[in-house]
PDB file of all heavy atoms in Angstrom:
ATOM      1  N   ALA A   1      37.585  -2.067  68.544  1.00  0.00           N
ATOM      2  CA  ALA A   1      37.989  -3.034  67.485  1.00  0.00           C
ATOM      3  C   ALA A   1      37.147  -4.265  67.598  1.00  0.00           C
ATOM      4  O   ALA A   1      36.778  -4.715  68.733  1.00  0.00           O
ATOM      5  CB  ALA A   1      39.423  -3.424  67.463  1.00  0.00           C
ATOM      6  N   ALA A   2      36.805  -4.888  66.483  1.00  0.00           N
ATOM      7  CA  ALA A   2      35.970  -6.107  66.450  1.00  0.00           C
ATOM      8  C   ALA A   2      36.184  -6.780  65.144  1.00  0.00           C
ATOM      9  O   ALA A   2      36.687  -6.177  64.191  1.00  0.00           O
ATOM     10  CB  ALA A   2      34.521  -5.788  66.778  1.00  0.00           C
ATOM     11  N   THR A   3      35.768  -7.992  65.040  1.00  0.00           N
ATOM     12  CA  THR A   3      35.852  -8.797  63.860  1.00  0.00           C
ATOM     13  C   THR A   3      34.500  -9.047  63.228  1.00  0.00           C
ATOM     14  O   THR A   3      33.657  -9.504  63.929  1.00  0.00           O
ATOM     15  CB  THR A   3      36.522 -10.137  64.058  1.00  0.00           C
ATOM     16  OG1 THR A   3      37.792  -9.988  64.715  1.00  0.00           O
ATOM     17  CG2 THR A   3      36.701 -10.993  62.783  1.00  0.00           C
ATOM     18  N   ASP A   4      34.375  -8.682  61.966  1.00  0.00           N
ATOM     19  CA  ASP A   4      32.979  -8.776  61.372  1.00  0.00           C
ATOM     20  C   ASP A   4      32.959 -10.129  60.620  1.00  0.00           C
ATOM     21  O   ASP A   4      33.033 -10.207  59.350  1.00  0.00           O
ATOM     22  CB  ASP A   4      32.864  -7.681  60.323  1.00  0.00           C
ATOM     23  CG  ASP A   4      31.388  -7.578  59.859  1.00  0.00           C
ATOM     24  OD1 ASP A   4      30.566  -8.341  60.358  1.00  0.00           O
ATOM     25  OD2 ASP A   4      31.218  -6.812  58.795  1.00  0.00           O
ATOM     26  N   LEU A   5      32.893 -11.263  61.339  1.00  0.00           N
ATOM     27  CA  LEU A   5      32.753 -12.569  60.830  1.00  0.00           C
ATOM     28  C   LEU A   5      31.482 -12.673  60.063  1.00  0.00           C
ATOM     29  O   LEU A   5      31.530 -13.366  58.888  1.00  0.00           O
ATOM     30  CB  LEU A   5      32.907 -13.595  61.819  1.00  0.00           C
ATOM     31  CG  LEU A   5      34.202 -13.639  62.587  1.00  0.00           C
ATOM     32  CD1 LEU A   5      34.192 -14.688  63.663  1.00  0.00           C
ATOM     33  CD2 LEU A   5      35.384 -13.881  61.587  1.00  0.00           C
ATOM     34  N   ASP A   6      30.364 -12.276  60.497  1.00  0.00           N
ATOM     35  CA  ASP A   6      29.072 -12.421  59.815  1.00  0.00           C
ATOM     36  C   ASP A   6      29.092 -11.628  58.449  1.00  0.00           C
ATOM     37  O   ASP A   6      28.604 -12.120  57.448  1.00  0.00           O
ATOM     38  CB  ASP A   6      27.960 -11.873  60.694  1.00  0.00           C
ATOM     39  CG  ASP A   6      27.747 -12.748  61.906  1.00  0.00           C
ATOM     40  OD1 ASP A   6      28.109 -13.887  61.909  1.00  0.00           O
ATOM     41  OD2 ASP A   6      27.181 -12.127  62.993  1.00  0.00           O
ATOM     42  N   GLY A   7      29.658 -10.408  58.515  1.00  0.00           N
ATOM     43  CA  GLY A   7      29.772  -9.655  57.333  1.00  0.00           C
ATOM     44  C   GLY A   7      30.621 -10.277  56.227  1.00  0.00           C
ATOM     45  O   GLY A   7      30.290 -10.325  55.079  1.00  0.00           O
ATOM     46  N   SER A   8      31.775 -10.947  56.618  1.00  0.00           N
ATOM     47  CA  SER A   8      32.604 -11.528  55.774  1.00  0.00           C
ATOM     48  C   SER A   8      31.997 -12.809  55.166  1.00  0.00           C
ATOM     49  O   SER A   8      32.045 -13.110  53.895  1.00  0.00           O
ATOM     50  CB  SER A   8      33.931 -11.978  56.454  1.00  0.00           C
ATOM     51  OG  SER A   8      34.572 -10.904  56.908  1.00  0.00           O
ATOM     52  N   LEU A   9      31.185 -13.514  56.005  1.00  0.00           N
ATOM     53  CA  LEU A   9      30.447 -14.702  55.472  1.00  0.00           C
ATOM     54  C   LEU A   9      29.360 -14.332  54.522  1.00  0.00           C
ATOM     55  O   LEU A   9      29.157 -14.953  53.514  1.00  0.00           O
ATOM     56  CB  LEU A   9      29.911 -15.443  56.745  1.00  0.00           C
ATOM     57  CG  LEU A   9      29.135 -16.734  56.357  1.00  0.00           C
ATOM     58  CD1 LEU A   9      30.066 -17.765  55.724  1.00  0.00           C
ATOM     59  CD2 LEU A   9      28.527 -17.321  57.636  1.00  0.00           C
ATOM     60  N   TYR A  10      28.624 -13.167  54.784  1.00  0.00           N
ATOM     61  CA  TYR A  10      27.729 -12.669  53.970  1.00  0.00           C
ATOM     62  C   TYR A  10      28.280 -12.288  52.597  1.00  0.00           C
ATOM     63  O   TYR A  10      27.701 -12.638  51.541  1.00  0.00           O
ATOM     64  CB  TYR A  10      27.109 -11.402  54.598  1.00  0.00           C
ATOM     65  CG  TYR A  10      26.196 -10.595  53.673  1.00  0.00           C
ATOM     66  CD1 TYR A  10      24.890 -10.934  53.296  1.00  0.00           C
ATOM     67  CD2 TYR A  10      26.667  -9.438  53.099  1.00  0.00           C
ATOM     68  CE1 TYR A  10      24.186 -10.203  52.365  1.00  0.00           C
ATOM     69  CE2 TYR A  10      25.995  -8.644  52.257  1.00  0.00           C
ATOM     70  CZ  TYR A  10      24.738  -9.115  51.859  1.00  0.00           C
ATOM     71  OH  TYR A  10      23.986  -8.262  51.033  1.00  0.00           O
ATOM     72  N   LEU A  11      29.451 -11.647  52.569  1.00  0.00           N
ATOM     73  CA  LEU A  11      30.039 -11.109  51.342  1.00  0.00           C
ATOM     74  C   LEU A  11      30.543 -12.451  50.562  1.00  0.00           C
ATOM     75  O   LEU A  11      30.434 -12.476  49.271  1.00  0.00           O
ATOM     76  CB  LEU A  11      31.218 -10.359  51.518  1.00  0.00           C
ATOM     77  CG  LEU A  11      30.926  -8.880  52.103  1.00  0.00           C
ATOM     78  CD1 LEU A  11      32.186  -8.080  52.390  1.00  0.00           C
ATOM     79  CD2 LEU A  11      29.945  -8.177  51.015  1.00  0.00           C
ATOM     80  N   GLU A  12      30.954 -13.471  51.224  1.00  0.00           N
ATOM     81  CA  GLU A  12      31.412 -14.696  50.543  1.00  0.00           C
ATOM     82  C   GLU A  12      30.294 -15.369  49.899  1.00  0.00           C
ATOM     83  O   GLU A  12      30.334 -15.826  48.757  1.00  0.00           O
ATOM     84  CB  GLU A  12      32.102 -15.618  51.566  1.00  0.00           C
ATOM     85  CG  GLU A  12      32.823 -16.768  50.899  1.00  0.00           C
ATOM     86  CD  GLU A  12      33.979 -16.322  50.123  1.00  0.00           C
ATOM     87  OE1 GLU A  12      34.645 -15.297  50.437  1.00  0.00           O
ATOM     88  OE2 GLU A  12      34.376 -17.001  49.099  1.00  0.00           O
ATOM     89  N   LYS A  13      29.095 -15.493  50.566  1.00  0.00           N
ATOM     90  CA  LYS A  13      27.899 -16.076  49.976  1.00  0.00           C
ATOM     91  C   LYS A  13      27.358 -15.282  48.788  1.00  0.00           C
ATOM     92  O   LYS A  13      27.004 -15.693  47.811  1.00  0.00           O
ATOM     93  CB  LYS A  13      26.858 -16.160  50.975  1.00  0.00           C
ATOM     94  CG  LYS A  13      27.150 -17.247  52.151  1.00  0.00           C
ATOM     95  CD  LYS A  13      25.945 -17.394  53.119  1.00  0.00           C
ATOM     96  CE  LYS A  13      26.177 -18.452  54.153  1.00  0.00           C
ATOM     97  NZ  LYS A  13      25.120 -18.625  55.108  1.00  0.00           N
ATOM     98  N   LEU A  14      27.522 -13.898  49.011  1.00  0.00           N
ATOM     99  CA  LEU A  14      27.057 -12.954  47.899  1.00  0.00           C
ATOM    100  C   LEU A  14      27.858 -13.147  46.663  1.00  0.00           C
ATOM    101  O   LEU A  14      27.341 -13.227  45.595  1.00  0.00           O
ATOM    102  CB  LEU A  14      27.085 -11.585  48.493  1.00  0.00           C
ATOM    103  CG  LEU A  14      26.608 -10.432  47.397  1.00  0.00           C
ATOM    104  CD1 LEU A  14      25.194 -10.644  46.912  1.00  0.00           C
ATOM    105  CD2 LEU A  14      26.932  -9.089  47.970  1.00  0.00           C
ATOM    106  N   LYS A  15      29.160 -13.317  46.906  1.00  0.00           N
ATOM    107  CA  LYS A  15      30.131 -13.575  45.739  1.00  0.00           C
ATOM    108  C   LYS A  15      29.756 -14.842  45.020  1.00  0.00           C
ATOM    109  O   LYS A  15      29.693 -14.857  43.764  1.00  0.00           O
ATOM    110  CB  LYS A  15      31.595 -13.681  46.281  1.00  0.00           C
ATOM    111  CG  LYS A  15      32.553 -13.702  45.102  1.00  0.00           C
ATOM    112  CD  LYS A  15      33.992 -14.062  45.773  1.00  0.00           C
ATOM    113  CE  LYS A  15      34.419 -12.919  46.782  1.00  0.00           C
ATOM    114  NZ  LYS A  15      35.762 -13.299  47.272  1.00  0.00           N
ATOM    115  N   ILE A  16      29.439 -15.905  45.806  1.00  0.00           N
ATOM    116  CA  ILE A  16      29.124 -17.191  45.183  1.00  0.00           C
ATOM    117  C   ILE A  16      27.820 -17.084  44.338  1.00  0.00           C
ATOM    118  O   ILE A  16      27.627 -17.507  43.258  1.00  0.00           O
ATOM    119  CB  ILE A  16      29.021 -18.284  46.160  1.00  0.00           C
ATOM    120  CG1 ILE A  16      30.370 -18.607  46.866  1.00  0.00           C
ATOM    121  CG2 ILE A  16      28.521 -19.561  45.606  1.00  0.00           C
ATOM    122  CD1 ILE A  16      30.366 -19.512  47.957  1.00  0.00           C
ATOM    123  N   ILE A  17      26.830 -16.418  44.920  1.00  0.00           N
ATOM    124  CA  ILE A  17      25.496 -16.201  44.273  1.00  0.00           C
ATOM    125  C   ILE A  17      25.679 -15.345  42.925  1.00  0.00           C
ATOM    126  O   ILE A  17      25.149 -15.702  41.933  1.00  0.00           O
ATOM    127  CB  ILE A  17      24.543 -15.516  45.246  1.00  0.00           C
ATOM    128  CG1 ILE A  17      24.187 -16.449  46.448  1.00  0.00           C
ATOM    129  CG2 ILE A  17      23.253 -15.176  44.580  1.00  0.00           C
ATOM    130  CD1 ILE A  17      23.382 -15.802  47.409  1.00  0.00           C
ATOM    131  N   LEU A  18      26.477 -14.375  43.050  1.00  0.00           N
ATOM    132  CA  LEU A  18      26.628 -13.458  41.838  1.00  0.00           C
ATOM    133  C   LEU A  18      27.377 -14.213  40.761  1.00  0.00           C
ATOM    134  O   LEU A  18      27.043 -14.065  39.558  1.00  0.00           O
ATOM    135  CB  LEU A  18      27.444 -12.186  42.308  1.00  0.00           C
ATOM    136  CG  LEU A  18      26.648 -11.251  43.147  1.00  0.00           C
ATOM    137  CD1 LEU A  18      27.625 -10.093  43.524  1.00  0.00           C
ATOM    138  CD2 LEU A  18      25.457 -10.642  42.407  1.00  0.00           C
ATOM    139  N   VAL A  19      28.339 -15.060  41.090  1.00  0.00           N
ATOM    140  CA  VAL A  19      29.149 -15.786  40.133  1.00  0.00           C
ATOM    141  C   VAL A  19      28.190 -16.825  39.493  1.00  0.00           C
ATOM    142  O   VAL A  19      28.173 -17.003  38.203  1.00  0.00           O
ATOM    143  CB  VAL A  19      30.280 -16.513  40.802  1.00  0.00           C
ATOM    144  CG1 VAL A  19      30.961 -17.517  39.794  1.00  0.00           C
ATOM    145  CG2 VAL A  19      31.437 -15.490  41.259  1.00  0.00           C
ATOM    146  N   PHE A  20      27.369 -17.516  40.315  1.00  0.00           N
ATOM    147  CA  PHE A  20      26.455 -18.385  39.843  1.00  0.00           C
ATOM    148  C   PHE A  20      25.355 -17.754  38.856  1.00  0.00           C
ATOM    149  O   PHE A  20      25.032 -18.272  37.771  1.00  0.00           O
ATOM    150  CB  PHE A  20      25.692 -19.096  40.936  1.00  0.00           C
ATOM    151  CG  PHE A  20      24.575 -20.098  40.444  1.00  0.00           C
ATOM    152  CD1 PHE A  20      24.943 -21.270  39.928  1.00  0.00           C
ATOM    153  CD2 PHE A  20      23.281 -19.731  40.589  1.00  0.00           C
ATOM    154  CE1 PHE A  20      23.924 -22.155  39.545  1.00  0.00           C
ATOM    155  CE2 PHE A  20      22.222 -20.532  40.201  1.00  0.00           C
ATOM    156  CZ  PHE A  20      22.563 -21.800  39.575  1.00  0.00           C
ATOM    157  N   VAL A  21      24.773 -16.622  39.309  1.00  0.00           N
ATOM    158  CA  VAL A  21      23.836 -15.907  38.459  1.00  0.00           C
ATOM    159  C   VAL A  21      24.528 -15.440  37.136  1.00  0.00           C
ATOM    160  O   VAL A  21      23.800 -15.506  36.048  1.00  0.00           O
ATOM    161  CB  VAL A  21      23.387 -14.719  39.302  1.00  0.00           C
ATOM    162  CG1 VAL A  21      22.507 -13.736  38.378  1.00  0.00           C
ATOM    163  CG2 VAL A  21      22.497 -15.179  40.468  1.00  0.00           C
ATOM    164  N   CYS A  22      25.747 -15.021  37.220  1.00  0.00           N
ATOM    165  CA  CYS A  22      26.526 -14.529  36.013  1.00  0.00           C
ATOM    166  C   CYS A  22      26.652 -15.801  35.034  1.00  0.00           C
ATOM    167  O   CYS A  22      26.309 -15.665  33.821  1.00  0.00           O
ATOM    168  CB  CYS A  22      27.841 -13.938  36.214  1.00  0.00           C
ATOM    169  SG  CYS A  22      27.813 -12.229  36.735  1.00  0.00           S
ATOM    170  N   LEU A  23      27.003 -16.881  35.517  1.00  0.00           N
ATOM    171  CA  LEU A  23      27.268 -18.024  34.662  1.00  0.00           C
ATOM    172  C   LEU A  23      25.888 -18.473  34.120  1.00  0.00           C
ATOM    173  O   LEU A  23      25.788 -18.843  32.916  1.00  0.00           O
ATOM    174  CB  LEU A  23      27.899 -19.148  35.407  1.00  0.00           C
ATOM    175  CG  LEU A  23      29.303 -18.940  35.796  1.00  0.00           C
ATOM    176  CD1 LEU A  23      29.878 -20.111  36.654  1.00  0.00           C
ATOM    177  CD2 LEU A  23      30.262 -18.596  34.653  1.00  0.00           C
ATOM    178  N   LEU A  24      24.858 -18.528  34.868  1.00  0.00           N
ATOM    179  CA  LEU A  24      23.498 -18.948  34.462  1.00  0.00           C
ATOM    180  C   LEU A  24      23.044 -17.880  33.374  1.00  0.00           C
ATOM    181  O   LEU A  24      22.504 -18.294  32.280  1.00  0.00           O
ATOM    182  CB  LEU A  24      22.558 -19.086  35.628  1.00  0.00           C
ATOM    183  CG  LEU A  24      21.195 -19.475  35.237  1.00  0.00           C
ATOM    184  CD1 LEU A  24      21.150 -20.811  34.625  1.00  0.00           C
ATOM    185  CD2 LEU A  24      20.252 -19.403  36.473  1.00  0.00           C
ATOM    186  N   SER A  25      23.235 -16.644  33.572  1.00  0.00           N
ATOM    187  CA  SER A  25      22.871 -15.592  32.755  1.00  0.00           C
ATOM    188  C   SER A  25      23.551 -15.673  31.450  1.00  0.00           C
ATOM    189  O   SER A  25      22.984 -15.578  30.392  1.00  0.00           O
ATOM    190  CB  SER A  25      22.996 -14.203  33.303  1.00  0.00           C
ATOM    191  OG  SER A  25      22.237 -14.026  34.539  1.00  0.00           O
ATOM    192  N   PHE A  26      24.868 -15.998  31.439  1.00  0.00           N
ATOM    193  CA  PHE A  26      25.610 -16.189  30.211  1.00  0.00           C
ATOM    194  C   PHE A  26      25.066 -17.342  29.417  1.00  0.00           C
ATOM    195  O   PHE A  26      24.946 -17.248  28.124  1.00  0.00           O
ATOM    196  CB  PHE A  26      27.136 -16.475  30.600  1.00  0.00           C
ATOM    197  CG  PHE A  26      27.804 -15.281  31.146  1.00  0.00           C
ATOM    198  CD1 PHE A  26      28.976 -15.459  31.857  1.00  0.00           C
ATOM    199  CD2 PHE A  26      27.392 -13.962  31.027  1.00  0.00           C
ATOM    200  CE1 PHE A  26      29.616 -14.353  32.510  1.00  0.00           C
ATOM    201  CE2 PHE A  26      27.884 -12.873  31.646  1.00  0.00           C
ATOM    202  CZ  PHE A  26      29.077 -13.131  32.307  1.00  0.00           C
ATOM    203  N   PHE A  27      24.792 -18.497  30.055  1.00  0.00           N
ATOM    204  CA  PHE A  27      24.172 -19.553  29.354  1.00  0.00           C
ATOM    205  C   PHE A  27      22.902 -19.188  28.652  1.00  0.00           C
ATOM    206  O   PHE A  27      22.633 -19.527  27.535  1.00  0.00           O
ATOM    207  CB  PHE A  27      24.047 -20.783  30.313  1.00  0.00           C
ATOM    208  CG  PHE A  27      23.432 -21.951  29.706  1.00  0.00           C
ATOM    209  CD1 PHE A  27      24.153 -22.753  28.823  1.00  0.00           C
ATOM    210  CD2 PHE A  27      22.073 -22.317  30.026  1.00  0.00           C
ATOM    211  CE1 PHE A  27      23.566 -23.910  28.230  1.00  0.00           C
ATOM    212  CE2 PHE A  27      21.528 -23.357  29.455  1.00  0.00           C
ATOM    213  CZ  PHE A  27      22.235 -24.197  28.600  1.00  0.00           C
ATOM    214  N   LEU A  28      22.036 -18.583  29.506  1.00  0.00           N
ATOM    215  CA  LEU A  28      20.676 -18.210  29.016  1.00  0.00           C
ATOM    216  C   LEU A  28      20.840 -17.176  27.795  1.00  0.00           C
ATOM    217  O   LEU A  28      20.131 -17.235  26.841  1.00  0.00           O
ATOM    218  CB  LEU A  28      19.817 -17.631  30.001  1.00  0.00           C
ATOM    219  CG  LEU A  28      19.433 -18.626  31.126  1.00  0.00           C
ATOM    220  CD1 LEU A  28      18.646 -17.919  32.235  1.00  0.00           C
ATOM    221  CD2 LEU A  28      18.639 -19.775  30.557  1.00  0.00           C
ATOM    222  N   PHE A  29      21.727 -16.172  28.045  1.00  0.00           N
ATOM    223  CA  PHE A  29      21.917 -15.275  26.900  1.00  0.00           C
ATOM    224  C   PHE A  29      22.443 -15.976  25.628  1.00  0.00           C
ATOM    225  O   PHE A  29      22.141 -15.577  24.509  1.00  0.00           O
ATOM    226  CB  PHE A  29      23.075 -14.195  27.267  1.00  0.00           C
ATOM    227  CG  PHE A  29      22.540 -13.197  28.462  1.00  0.00           C
ATOM    228  CD1 PHE A  29      23.384 -12.619  29.157  1.00  0.00           C
ATOM    229  CD2 PHE A  29      21.171 -13.106  28.651  1.00  0.00           C
ATOM    230  CE1 PHE A  29      22.976 -11.704  30.186  1.00  0.00           C
ATOM    231  CE2 PHE A  29      20.781 -12.268  29.618  1.00  0.00           C
ATOM    232  CZ  PHE A  29      21.669 -11.544  30.393  1.00  0.00           C
ATOM    233  N   PHE A  30      23.316 -16.932  25.776  1.00  0.00           N
ATOM    234  CA  PHE A  30      23.876 -17.641  24.666  1.00  0.00           C
ATOM    235  C   PHE A  30      22.707 -18.411  23.916  1.00  0.00           C
ATOM    236  O   PHE A  30      22.655 -18.243  22.709  1.00  0.00           O
ATOM    237  CB  PHE A  30      24.959 -18.704  25.070  1.00  0.00           C
ATOM    238  CG  PHE A  30      25.337 -19.594  24.010  1.00  0.00           C
ATOM    239  CD1 PHE A  30      26.305 -19.147  23.052  1.00  0.00           C
ATOM    240  CD2 PHE A  30      24.875 -20.920  23.947  1.00  0.00           C
ATOM    241  CE1 PHE A  30      26.664 -20.018  22.045  1.00  0.00           C
ATOM    242  CE2 PHE A  30      25.322 -21.640  22.899  1.00  0.00           C
ATOM    243  CZ  PHE A  30      26.214 -21.298  21.878  1.00  0.00           C
ATOM    244  N   ILE A  31      21.810 -19.048  24.697  1.00  0.00           N
ATOM    245  CA  ILE A  31      20.773 -19.830  24.078  1.00  0.00           C
ATOM    246  C   ILE A  31      19.751 -18.711  23.442  1.00  0.00           C
ATOM    247  O   ILE A  31      19.395 -19.005  22.200  1.00  0.00           O
ATOM    248  CB  ILE A  31      20.014 -20.580  25.116  1.00  0.00           C
ATOM    249  CG1 ILE A  31      20.903 -21.692  25.776  1.00  0.00           C
ATOM    250  CG2 ILE A  31      18.628 -21.217  24.527  1.00  0.00           C
ATOM    251  CD1 ILE A  31      21.332 -22.697  24.743  1.00  0.00           C
ATOM    252  N   ALA A  32      19.411 -17.679  24.091  1.00  0.00           N
ATOM    253  CA  ALA A  32      18.566 -16.733  23.493  1.00  0.00           C
ATOM    254  C   ALA A  32      19.175 -16.100  22.258  1.00  0.00           C
ATOM    255  O   ALA A  32      18.453 -15.852  21.219  1.00  0.00           O
ATOM    256  CB  ALA A  32      18.146 -15.683  24.611  1.00  0.00           C
ATOM    257  N   GLY A  33      20.424 -15.705  22.316  1.00  0.00           N
ATOM    258  CA  GLY A  33      21.111 -15.063  21.263  1.00  0.00           C
ATOM    259  C   GLY A  33      21.270 -15.990  20.038  1.00  0.00           C
ATOM    260  O   GLY A  33      20.953 -15.614  18.869  1.00  0.00           O
ATOM    261  N   TRP A  34      21.431 -17.276  20.308  1.00  0.00           N
ATOM    262  CA  TRP A  34      21.489 -18.237  19.148  1.00  0.00           C
ATOM    263  C   TRP A  34      20.094 -18.383  18.520  1.00  0.00           C
ATOM    264  O   TRP A  34      20.010 -18.432  17.380  1.00  0.00           O
ATOM    265  CB  TRP A  34      21.932 -19.656  19.719  1.00  0.00           C
ATOM    266  CG  TRP A  34      22.040 -20.650  18.740  1.00  0.00           C
ATOM    267  CD1 TRP A  34      22.995 -20.790  17.771  1.00  0.00           C
ATOM    268  CD2 TRP A  34      21.152 -21.775  18.501  1.00  0.00           C
ATOM    269  NE1 TRP A  34      22.778 -21.932  17.025  1.00  0.00           N
ATOM    270  CE2 TRP A  34      21.603 -22.550  17.467  1.00  0.00           C
ATOM    271  CE3 TRP A  34      20.061 -22.280  19.198  1.00  0.00           C
ATOM    272  CZ2 TRP A  34      20.981 -23.741  17.014  1.00  0.00           C
ATOM    273  CZ3 TRP A  34      19.455 -23.385  18.712  1.00  0.00           C
ATOM    274  CH2 TRP A  34      19.889 -24.113  17.633  1.00  0.00           C
ATOM    275  N   ILE A  35      19.050 -18.422  19.297  1.00  0.00           N
ATOM    276  CA  ILE A  35      17.635 -18.530  18.760  1.00  0.00           C
ATOM    277  C   ILE A  35      17.340 -17.345  17.968  1.00  0.00           C
ATOM    278  O   ILE A  35      16.786 -17.397  16.809  1.00  0.00           O
ATOM    279  CB  ILE A  35      16.719 -18.860  19.872  1.00  0.00           C
ATOM    280  CG1 ILE A  35      16.906 -20.224  20.501  1.00  0.00           C
ATOM    281  CG2 ILE A  35      15.231 -18.787  19.332  1.00  0.00           C
ATOM    282  CD1 ILE A  35      16.032 -20.530  21.728  1.00  0.00           C
ATOM    283  N   TYR A  36      17.500 -16.163  18.604  1.00  0.00           N
ATOM    284  CA  TYR A  36      17.016 -14.893  17.935  1.00  0.00           C
ATOM    285  C   TYR A  36      17.907 -14.476  16.807  1.00  0.00           C
ATOM    286  O   TYR A  36      17.470 -13.959  15.804  1.00  0.00           O
ATOM    287  CB  TYR A  36      16.988 -13.768  19.046  1.00  0.00           C
ATOM    288  CG  TYR A  36      15.773 -13.933  19.881  1.00  0.00           C
ATOM    289  CD1 TYR A  36      15.894 -14.354  21.191  1.00  0.00           C
ATOM    290  CD2 TYR A  36      14.506 -13.537  19.381  1.00  0.00           C
ATOM    291  CE1 TYR A  36      14.771 -14.494  22.087  1.00  0.00           C
ATOM    292  CE2 TYR A  36      13.353 -13.777  20.306  1.00  0.00           C
ATOM    293  CZ  TYR A  36      13.533 -14.205  21.625  1.00  0.00           C
ATOM    294  OH  TYR A  36      12.450 -14.283  22.342  1.00  0.00           O
ATOM    295  N   SER A  37      19.253 -14.811  16.883  1.00  0.00           N
ATOM    296  CA  SER A  37      20.094 -14.495  15.772  1.00  0.00           C
ATOM    297  C   SER A  37      19.678 -15.497  14.534  1.00  0.00           C
ATOM    298  O   SER A  37      19.763 -15.060  13.405  1.00  0.00           O
ATOM    299  CB  SER A  37      21.564 -14.790  16.184  1.00  0.00           C
ATOM    300  OG  SER A  37      21.776 -16.111  16.506  1.00  0.00           O
ATOM    301  N   GLY A  38      19.313 -16.667  14.826  1.00  0.00           N
ATOM    302  CA  GLY A  38      18.887 -17.620  13.793  1.00  0.00           C
ATOM    303  C   GLY A  38      17.638 -17.032  13.112  1.00  0.00           C
ATOM    304  O   GLY A  38      17.503 -17.066  11.907  1.00  0.00           O
ATOM    305  N   ARG A  39      16.703 -16.527  13.951  1.00  0.00           N
ATOM    306  CA  ARG A  39      15.456 -15.912  13.394  1.00  0.00           C
ATOM    307  C   ARG A  39      15.907 -14.705  12.553  1.00  0.00           C
ATOM    308  O   ARG A  39      15.196 -14.437  11.554  1.00  0.00           O
ATOM    309  CB  ARG A  39      14.548 -15.631  14.457  1.00  0.00           C
ATOM    310  CG  ARG A  39      13.897 -16.914  15.186  1.00  0.00           C
ATOM    311  CD  ARG A  39      12.885 -16.474  16.286  1.00  0.00           C
ATOM    312  NE  ARG A  39      12.369 -17.711  16.878  1.00  0.00           N
ATOM    313  CZ  ARG A  39      11.386 -17.572  17.858  1.00  0.00           C
ATOM    314  NH1 ARG A  39      10.972 -16.420  18.296  1.00  0.00           N
ATOM    315  NH2 ARG A  39      10.931 -18.699  18.351  1.00  0.00           N
ATOM    316  N   ALA A  40      16.804 -13.886  13.118  1.00  0.00           N
ATOM    317  CA  ALA A  40      17.153 -12.680  12.464  1.00  0.00           C
ATOM    318  C   ALA A  40      17.809 -12.928  11.091  1.00  0.00           C
ATOM    319  O   ALA A  40      17.582 -12.201  10.097  1.00  0.00           O
ATOM    320  CB  ALA A  40      17.943 -11.781  13.363  1.00  0.00           C
ATOM    321  N   LEU A  41      18.648 -14.052  11.065  1.00  0.00           N
ATOM    322  CA  LEU A  41      19.394 -14.359   9.807  1.00  0.00           C
ATOM    323  C   LEU A  41      18.621 -15.200   8.828  1.00  0.00           C
ATOM    324  O   LEU A  41      19.099 -15.440   7.764  1.00  0.00           O
ATOM    325  CB  LEU A  41      20.700 -14.960  10.185  1.00  0.00           C
ATOM    326  CG  LEU A  41      21.699 -14.048  11.039  1.00  0.00           C
ATOM    327  CD1 LEU A  41      22.916 -14.901  11.374  1.00  0.00           C
ATOM    328  CD2 LEU A  41      22.142 -12.819  10.200  1.00  0.00           C
ATOM    329  N   LYS A  42      17.468 -15.721   9.184  1.00  0.00           N
ATOM    330  CA  LYS A  42      16.689 -16.623   8.424  1.00  0.00           C
ATOM    331  C   LYS A  42      16.355 -15.966   7.104  1.00  0.00           C
ATOM    332  O   LYS A  42      16.387 -16.565   5.936  1.00  0.00           O
ATOM    333  CB  LYS A  42      15.418 -17.153   9.057  1.00  0.00           C
ATOM    334  CG  LYS A  42      14.623 -18.244   8.417  1.00  0.00           C
ATOM    335  CD  LYS A  42      13.572 -18.773   9.136  1.00  0.00           C
ATOM    336  CE  LYS A  42      12.844 -19.870   8.402  1.00  0.00           C
ATOM    337  NZ  LYS A  42      12.359 -19.448   7.027  1.00  0.00           N
ATOM    338  N   PRO A  43      15.734 -14.682   7.097  1.00  0.00           N
ATOM    339  CA  PRO A  43      15.453 -14.045   5.821  1.00  0.00           C
ATOM    340  C   PRO A  43      16.663 -14.008   4.796  1.00  0.00           C
ATOM    341  O   PRO A  43      16.489 -14.210   3.579  1.00  0.00           O
ATOM    342  CB  PRO A  43      14.960 -12.621   6.272  1.00  0.00           C
ATOM    343  CG  PRO A  43      14.500 -12.716   7.592  1.00  0.00           C
ATOM    344  CD  PRO A  43      15.412 -13.801   8.223  1.00  0.00           C
ATOM    345  N   ILE A  44      17.907 -13.739   5.469  1.00  0.00           N
ATOM    346  CA  ILE A  44      19.059 -13.653   4.625  1.00  0.00           C
ATOM    347  C   ILE A  44      19.344 -15.146   3.958  1.00  0.00           C
ATOM    348  O   ILE A  44      19.708 -15.212   2.827  1.00  0.00           O
ATOM    349  CB  ILE A  44      20.259 -13.184   5.392  1.00  0.00           C
ATOM    350  CG1 ILE A  44      19.953 -11.723   5.825  1.00  0.00           C
ATOM    351  CG2 ILE A  44      21.540 -13.177   4.500  1.00  0.00           C
ATOM    352  CD1 ILE A  44      21.071 -11.126   6.669  1.00  0.00           C
ATOM    353  N   SER A  45      19.241 -16.139   4.844  1.00  0.00           N
ATOM    354  CA  SER A  45      19.383 -17.464   4.328  1.00  0.00           C
ATOM    355  C   SER A  45      18.415 -17.764   3.220  1.00  0.00           C
ATOM    356  O   SER A  45      18.777 -18.481   2.269  1.00  0.00           O
ATOM    357  CB  SER A  45      19.279 -18.478   5.516  1.00  0.00           C
ATOM    358  OG  SER A  45      20.288 -18.181   6.588  1.00  0.00           O
ATOM    359  N   ASP A  46      17.201 -17.412   3.335  1.00  0.00           N
ATOM    360  CA  ASP A  46      16.082 -17.621   2.415  1.00  0.00           C
ATOM    361  C   ASP A  46      16.473 -16.900   1.090  1.00  0.00           C
ATOM    362  O   ASP A  46      16.334 -17.518   0.061  1.00  0.00           O
ATOM    363  CB  ASP A  46      14.726 -17.209   2.854  1.00  0.00           C
ATOM    364  CG  ASP A  46      14.238 -17.997   4.084  1.00  0.00           C
ATOM    365  OD1 ASP A  46      14.775 -19.152   4.220  1.00  0.00           O
ATOM    366  OD2 ASP A  46      13.340 -17.432   4.757  1.00  0.00           O
ATOM    367  N   VAL A  47      17.036 -15.682   1.173  1.00  0.00           N
ATOM    368  CA  VAL A  47      17.383 -14.998  -0.064  1.00  0.00           C
ATOM    369  C   VAL A  47      18.556 -15.676  -0.718  1.00  0.00           C
ATOM    370  O   VAL A  47      18.579 -15.799  -1.956  1.00  0.00           O
ATOM    371  CB  VAL A  47      17.841 -13.501   0.315  1.00  0.00           C
ATOM    372  CG1 VAL A  47      18.503 -12.836  -0.886  1.00  0.00           C
ATOM    373  CG2 VAL A  47      16.570 -12.767   0.900  1.00  0.00           C
TER     374      VAL A  47
END
């Protein structure tokens, strides 16, 4: 038997990194979606 302190610390850091990456990705996806949806809907607005 033993305690995997290093592994637990690694998973905790990995969890923080993944949460940060997800939030950053959501923000970037929102900006990109807003820009490209505006471009996609511009012909309809012109019509």
